C-alpha cells in the first residue's frame, strides 16, 4: 500500500469519525435519531 493510499484511507476514517461525533452531539439534543452510514469494506492484504 502506497503512502497516498494510506492517506486516503485515513481521511475516510476521519470523515466517518467526524460524522459519528456530529451524530452523537445532535442526538444529545434530540430524543431519538436513526442514522445509517454506508460502509465500504475493502479487502486488504498485509
C-alpha atoms as a PDB file:
ATOM      1  CA  UNK A   1       0.000   0.000   0.000  1.00  0.00           C
ATOM      2  CA  UNK A   2       1.429   3.357  -1.011  1.00  0.00           C
ATOM      3  CA  UNK A   3       1.579   6.421   1.194  1.00  0.00           C
ATOM      4  CA  UNK A   4      -1.098   8.047  -0.973  1.00  0.00           C
ATOM      5  CA  UNK A   5      -3.456   5.120  -0.349  1.00  0.00           C
ATOM      6  CA  UNK A   6      -2.731   5.225   3.388  1.00  0.00           C
ATOM      7  CA  UNK A   7      -3.525   8.937   3.488  1.00  0.00           C
ATOM      8  CA  UNK A   8      -6.755   8.435   1.523  1.00  0.00           C
ATOM      9  CA  UNK A   9      -7.873   5.660   3.886  1.00  0.00           C
ATOM     10  CA  UNK A  10      -7.019   7.780   6.932  1.00  0.00           C
ATOM     11  CA  UNK A  11      -9.085  10.676   5.537  1.00  0.00           C
ATOM     12  CA  UNK A  12     -12.046   8.315   5.039  1.00  0.00           C
ATOM     13  CA  UNK A  13     -11.794   7.164   8.659  1.00  0.00           C
ATOM     14  CA  UNK A  14     -11.515  10.747   9.913  1.00  0.00           C
ATOM     15  CA  UNK A  15     -14.590  11.774   7.900  1.00  0.00           C
ATOM     16  CA  UNK A  16     -16.562   8.855   9.322  1.00  0.00           C
ATOM     17  CA  UNK A  17     -15.498   9.716  12.875  1.00  0.00           C
ATOM     18  CA  UNK A  18     -16.499  13.350  12.350  1.00  0.00           C
ATOM     19  CA  UNK A  19     -19.956  12.226  11.147  1.00  0.00           C
ATOM     20  CA  UNK A  20     -20.305   9.992  14.208  1.00  0.00           C
ATOM     21  CA  UNK A  21     -19.304  12.806  16.565  1.00  0.00           C
ATOM     22  CA  UNK A  22     -21.805  15.138  14.898  1.00  0.00           C
ATOM     23  CA  UNK A  23     -24.494  12.466  15.181  1.00  0.00           C
ATOM     24  CA  UNK A  24     -23.759  11.926  18.874  1.00  0.00           C
ATOM     25  CA  UNK A  25     -23.813  15.675  19.538  1.00  0.00           C
ATOM     26  CA  UNK A  26     -27.109  16.018  17.669  1.00  0.00           C
ATOM     27  CA  UNK A  27     -28.602  13.016  19.479  1.00  0.00           C
ATOM     28  CA  UNK A  28     -27.974  14.706  22.823  1.00  0.00           C
ATOM     29  CA  UNK A  29     -30.356  17.430  21.661  1.00  0.00           C
ATOM     30  CA  UNK A  30     -32.870  15.101  20.033  1.00  0.00           C
ATOM     31  CA  UNK A  31     -34.529  12.311  21.978  1.00  0.00           C
ATOM     32  CA  UNK A  32     -34.024   9.713  19.277  1.00  0.00           C
ATOM     33  CA  UNK A  33     -32.364   9.669  15.903  1.00  0.00           C
ATOM     34  CA  UNK A  34     -31.528   6.882  13.491  1.00  0.00           C
ATOM     35  CA  UNK A  35     -28.613   7.332  11.137  1.00  0.00           C
ATOM     36  CA  UNK A  36     -27.476   4.779   8.576  1.00  0.00           C
ATOM     37  CA  UNK A  37     -23.889   5.114   7.450  1.00  0.00           C
ATOM     38  CA  UNK A  38     -22.836   3.392   4.285  1.00  0.00           C
ATOM     39  CA  UNK A  39     -19.707   1.459   4.886  1.00  0.00           C
ATOM     40  CA  UNK A  40     -17.372   0.145   2.276  1.00  0.00           C
ATOM     41  CA  UNK A  41     -15.429  -2.923   3.287  1.00  0.00           C
ATOM     42  CA  UNK A  42     -12.254  -3.309   1.360  1.00  0.00           C
ATOM     43  CA  UNK A  43     -10.253  -6.489   1.241  1.00  0.00           C
ATOM     44  CA  UNK A  44      -6.673  -5.765   2.113  1.00  0.00           C
ATOM     45  CA  UNK A  45      -3.673  -7.992   2.017  1.00  0.00           C
ATOM     46  CA  UNK A  46      -0.944  -7.402   4.561  1.00  0.00           C
END
